[in-house]
Amino acid sequence: MSKLKEKILGLFEILKKSIEKFPFTIIPILILTIIYAINLENDFLSEKIIENLTMFIVIFSSGAFLIETLKSRKC
């Protein structure tokens, strides 16, 4: 059981380091995932709003990833 606990704690450490390194990439993607999960059951947002939001987050996250990658390489 302790090996499983060590593996899970290791995964949390990797996730924590990734979020610290790429916050402007991971956070919008997590937000979009939550919105999709909520909207799957309840159609509280129209399809056009979801489409526009998805396009914005995908473009924003791609640009943020490139900028954060360049920033981390210079440090």
N, C-alpha and C. Protein backbone atom coordinates (compact mmCIF):
# COMPACT_ATOMS: atom_id res chain seq x y z
N MET A 1 0.81 -1.19 0.00
CA MET A 1 0.00 0.00 0.00
C MET A 1 0.86 1.26 0.00
N SER A 2 2.02 1.19 0.63
CA SER A 2 2.87 2.37 0.69
C SER A 2 3.46 2.70 -0.69
N LYS A 3 3.66 1.68 -1.53
CA LYS A 3 4.18 1.96 -2.87
C LYS A 3 3.16 2.72 -3.70
N LEU A 4 1.89 2.36 -3.55
CA LEU A 4 0.83 3.07 -4.25
C LEU A 4 0.76 4.52 -3.78
N LYS A 5 0.87 4.71 -2.47
CA LYS A 5 0.84 6.06 -1.90
C LYS A 5 2.03 6.88 -2.42
N GLU A 6 3.19 6.27 -2.51
CA GLU A 6 4.38 6.97 -3.02
C GLU A 6 4.18 7.36 -4.48
N LYS A 7 3.60 6.48 -5.29
CA LYS A 7 3.35 6.77 -6.70
C LYS A 7 2.37 7.93 -6.85
N ILE A 8 1.30 7.92 -6.05
CA ILE A 8 0.30 8.99 -6.13
C ILE A 8 0.92 10.31 -5.68
N LEU A 9 1.69 10.30 -4.61
CA LEU A 9 2.35 11.53 -4.17
C LEU A 9 3.35 12.02 -5.21
N GLY A 10 4.02 11.10 -5.89
CA GLY A 10 4.93 11.48 -6.97
C GLY A 10 4.19 12.13 -8.13
N LEU A 11 3.02 11.61 -8.46
CA LEU A 11 2.21 12.21 -9.52
C LEU A 11 1.76 13.62 -9.15
N PHE A 12 1.37 13.80 -7.88
CA PHE A 12 0.97 15.13 -7.43
C PHE A 12 2.14 16.11 -7.48
N GLU A 13 3.33 15.66 -7.16
CA GLU A 13 4.51 16.52 -7.23
C GLU A 13 4.80 16.93 -8.68
N ILE A 14 4.68 15.98 -9.59
CA ILE A 14 4.90 16.28 -11.01
C ILE A 14 3.86 17.27 -11.50
N LEU A 15 2.60 17.07 -11.12
CA LEU A 15 1.54 18.00 -11.52
C LEU A 15 1.78 19.38 -10.93
N LYS A 16 2.20 19.44 -9.68
CA LYS A 16 2.47 20.72 -9.02
C LYS A 16 3.60 21.47 -9.73
N LYS A 17 4.68 20.76 -10.07
CA LYS A 17 5.79 21.39 -10.78
C LYS A 17 5.38 21.85 -12.17
N SER A 18 4.53 21.07 -12.84
CA SER A 18 4.06 21.45 -14.17
C SER A 18 3.21 22.71 -14.11
N ILE A 19 2.33 22.79 -13.11
CA ILE A 19 1.50 23.98 -12.98
C ILE A 19 2.35 25.19 -12.62
N GLU A 20 3.38 25.01 -11.80
CA GLU A 20 4.28 26.13 -11.49
C GLU A 20 5.05 26.59 -12.72
N LYS A 21 5.40 25.65 -13.58
CA LYS A 21 6.20 25.97 -14.76
C LYS A 21 5.35 26.54 -15.90
N PHE A 22 4.13 26.02 -16.08
CA PHE A 22 3.27 26.42 -17.19
C PHE A 22 1.86 26.80 -16.71
N PRO A 23 1.72 27.82 -15.84
CA PRO A 23 0.39 28.11 -15.30
C PRO A 23 -0.59 28.66 -16.34
N PHE A 24 -0.11 29.50 -17.26
CA PHE A 24 -1.01 30.09 -18.24
C PHE A 24 -1.39 29.12 -19.35
N THR A 25 -0.80 27.96 -19.36
CA THR A 25 -1.17 26.92 -20.31
C THR A 25 -2.13 25.93 -19.67
N ILE A 26 -1.83 25.47 -18.49
CA ILE A 26 -2.60 24.39 -17.87
C ILE A 26 -3.92 24.89 -17.29
N ILE A 27 -3.92 26.04 -16.65
CA ILE A 27 -5.13 26.52 -15.98
C ILE A 27 -6.28 26.75 -16.97
N PRO A 28 -6.09 27.44 -18.12
CA PRO A 28 -7.21 27.58 -19.05
C PRO A 28 -7.71 26.24 -19.60
N ILE A 29 -6.81 25.29 -19.79
CA ILE A 29 -7.23 23.98 -20.29
C ILE A 29 -8.06 23.26 -19.23
N LEU A 30 -7.68 23.37 -17.96
CA LEU A 30 -8.48 22.77 -16.89
C LEU A 30 -9.85 23.44 -16.78
N ILE A 31 -9.90 24.75 -16.94
CA ILE A 31 -11.17 25.47 -16.91
C ILE A 31 -12.07 25.01 -18.05
N LEU A 32 -11.51 24.88 -19.24
CA LEU A 32 -12.29 24.42 -20.39
C LEU A 32 -12.80 22.99 -20.17
N THR A 33 -11.98 22.15 -19.58
CA THR A 33 -12.40 20.78 -19.28
C THR A 33 -13.57 20.76 -18.31
N ILE A 34 -13.51 21.60 -17.29
CA ILE A 34 -14.62 21.67 -16.32
C ILE A 34 -15.89 22.18 -16.99
N ILE A 35 -15.76 23.20 -17.84
CA ILE A 35 -16.93 23.74 -18.54
C ILE A 35 -17.56 22.66 -19.42
N TYR A 36 -16.73 21.92 -20.15
CA TYR A 36 -17.26 20.84 -20.98
C TYR A 36 -17.94 19.77 -20.14
N ALA A 37 -17.36 19.41 -19.00
CA ALA A 37 -17.95 18.38 -18.14
C ALA A 37 -19.31 18.83 -17.59
N ILE A 38 -19.41 20.09 -17.20
CA ILE A 38 -20.68 20.61 -16.69
C ILE A 38 -21.69 20.71 -17.81
N ASN A 39 -21.26 21.18 -18.97
CA ASN A 39 -22.17 21.38 -20.09
C ASN A 39 -22.61 20.05 -20.72
N LEU A 40 -21.91 18.98 -20.43
CA LEU A 40 -22.28 17.67 -20.96
C LEU A 40 -23.63 17.23 -20.42
N GLU A 41 -23.87 17.46 -19.15
CA GLU A 41 -25.14 17.09 -18.52
C GLU A 41 -26.21 18.15 -18.73
N ASN A 42 -25.85 19.39 -18.50
CA ASN A 42 -26.82 20.49 -18.60
C ASN A 42 -26.38 21.42 -19.71
N ASP A 43 -27.25 21.69 -20.62
CA ASP A 43 -26.91 22.61 -21.71
C ASP A 43 -27.17 24.05 -21.25
N PHE A 44 -26.32 24.53 -20.36
CA PHE A 44 -26.52 25.88 -19.84
C PHE A 44 -25.87 26.93 -20.73
N LEU A 45 -24.96 26.53 -21.62
CA LEU A 45 -24.36 27.45 -22.58
C LEU A 45 -24.72 27.01 -23.99
N SER A 46 -24.94 27.99 -24.85
CA SER A 46 -25.28 27.63 -26.23
C SER A 46 -24.05 27.07 -26.95
N GLU A 47 -24.31 26.38 -28.04
CA GLU A 47 -23.23 25.75 -28.79
C GLU A 47 -22.27 26.79 -29.37
N LYS A 48 -22.77 27.93 -29.75
CA LYS A 48 -21.93 28.99 -30.32
C LYS A 48 -20.98 29.56 -29.26
N ILE A 49 -21.47 29.74 -28.04
CA ILE A 49 -20.61 30.25 -26.97
C ILE A 49 -19.51 29.25 -26.65
N ILE A 50 -19.86 27.98 -26.57
CA ILE A 50 -18.86 26.93 -26.31
C ILE A 50 -17.83 26.90 -27.43
N GLU A 51 -18.27 27.02 -28.66
CA GLU A 51 -17.35 27.00 -29.81
C GLU A 51 -16.38 28.18 -29.74
N ASN A 52 -16.89 29.37 -29.47
CA ASN A 52 -16.03 30.55 -29.37
C ASN A 52 -15.07 30.46 -28.18
N LEU A 53 -15.56 29.99 -27.06
CA LEU A 53 -14.73 29.83 -25.87
C LEU A 53 -13.62 28.81 -26.12
N THR A 54 -13.96 27.72 -26.77
CA THR A 54 -12.97 26.69 -27.08
C THR A 54 -11.89 27.24 -28.00
N MET A 55 -12.29 27.96 -29.03
CA MET A 55 -11.32 28.52 -29.97
C MET A 55 -10.39 29.50 -29.27
N PHE A 56 -10.95 30.35 -28.41
CA PHE A 56 -10.13 31.31 -27.68
C PHE A 56 -9.13 30.61 -26.77
N ILE A 57 -9.58 29.62 -26.01
CA ILE A 57 -8.69 28.95 -25.05
C ILE A 57 -7.62 28.16 -25.77
N VAL A 58 -7.96 27.53 -26.89
CA VAL A 58 -6.95 26.76 -27.63
C VAL A 58 -5.87 27.70 -28.18
N ILE A 59 -6.26 28.81 -28.76
CA ILE A 59 -5.27 29.76 -29.30
C ILE A 59 -4.47 30.41 -28.17
N PHE A 60 -5.15 30.81 -27.10
CA PHE A 60 -4.47 31.42 -25.97
C PHE A 60 -3.47 30.45 -25.34
N SER A 61 -3.89 29.21 -25.12
CA SER A 61 -3.02 28.22 -24.47
C SER A 61 -1.82 27.87 -25.34
N SER A 62 -2.02 27.81 -26.65
CA SER A 62 -0.90 27.52 -27.54
C SER A 62 0.15 28.62 -27.48
N GLY A 63 -0.31 29.86 -27.54
CA GLY A 63 0.61 30.99 -27.44
C GLY A 63 1.28 31.07 -26.08
N ALA A 64 0.50 30.83 -25.04
CA ALA A 64 1.06 30.86 -23.68
C ALA A 64 2.11 29.78 -23.49
N PHE A 65 1.86 28.60 -24.06
CA PHE A 65 2.83 27.51 -23.95
C PHE A 65 4.14 27.88 -24.62
N LEU A 66 4.07 28.47 -25.81
CA LEU A 66 5.29 28.87 -26.51
C LEU A 66 6.06 29.93 -25.71
N ILE A 67 5.35 30.91 -25.18
CA ILE A 67 6.01 31.96 -24.40
C ILE A 67 6.61 31.40 -23.11
N GLU A 68 5.87 30.55 -22.41
CA GLU A 68 6.38 29.98 -21.17
C GLU A 68 7.57 29.05 -21.42
N THR A 69 7.57 28.36 -22.55
CA THR A 69 8.69 27.49 -22.89
C THR A 69 9.94 28.32 -23.17
N LEU A 70 9.79 29.40 -23.93
CA LEU A 70 10.94 30.27 -24.21
C LEU A 70 11.44 30.93 -22.93
N LYS A 71 10.51 31.33 -22.06
CA LYS A 71 10.88 31.97 -20.79
C LYS A 71 11.66 30.99 -19.91
N SER A 72 11.23 29.75 -19.86
CA SER A 72 11.90 28.78 -18.99
C SER A 72 13.26 28.36 -19.53
N ARG A 73 13.46 28.44 -20.82
CA ARG A 73 14.75 28.06 -21.40
C ARG A 73 15.81 29.13 -21.12
N LYS A 74 15.40 30.39 -20.98
CA LYS A 74 16.35 31.48 -20.74
C LYS A 74 16.78 31.56 -19.29
N CYS A 75 16.01 30.98 -18.39
CA CYS A 75 16.34 31.05 -16.95
C CYS A 75 17.49 30.17 -16.59
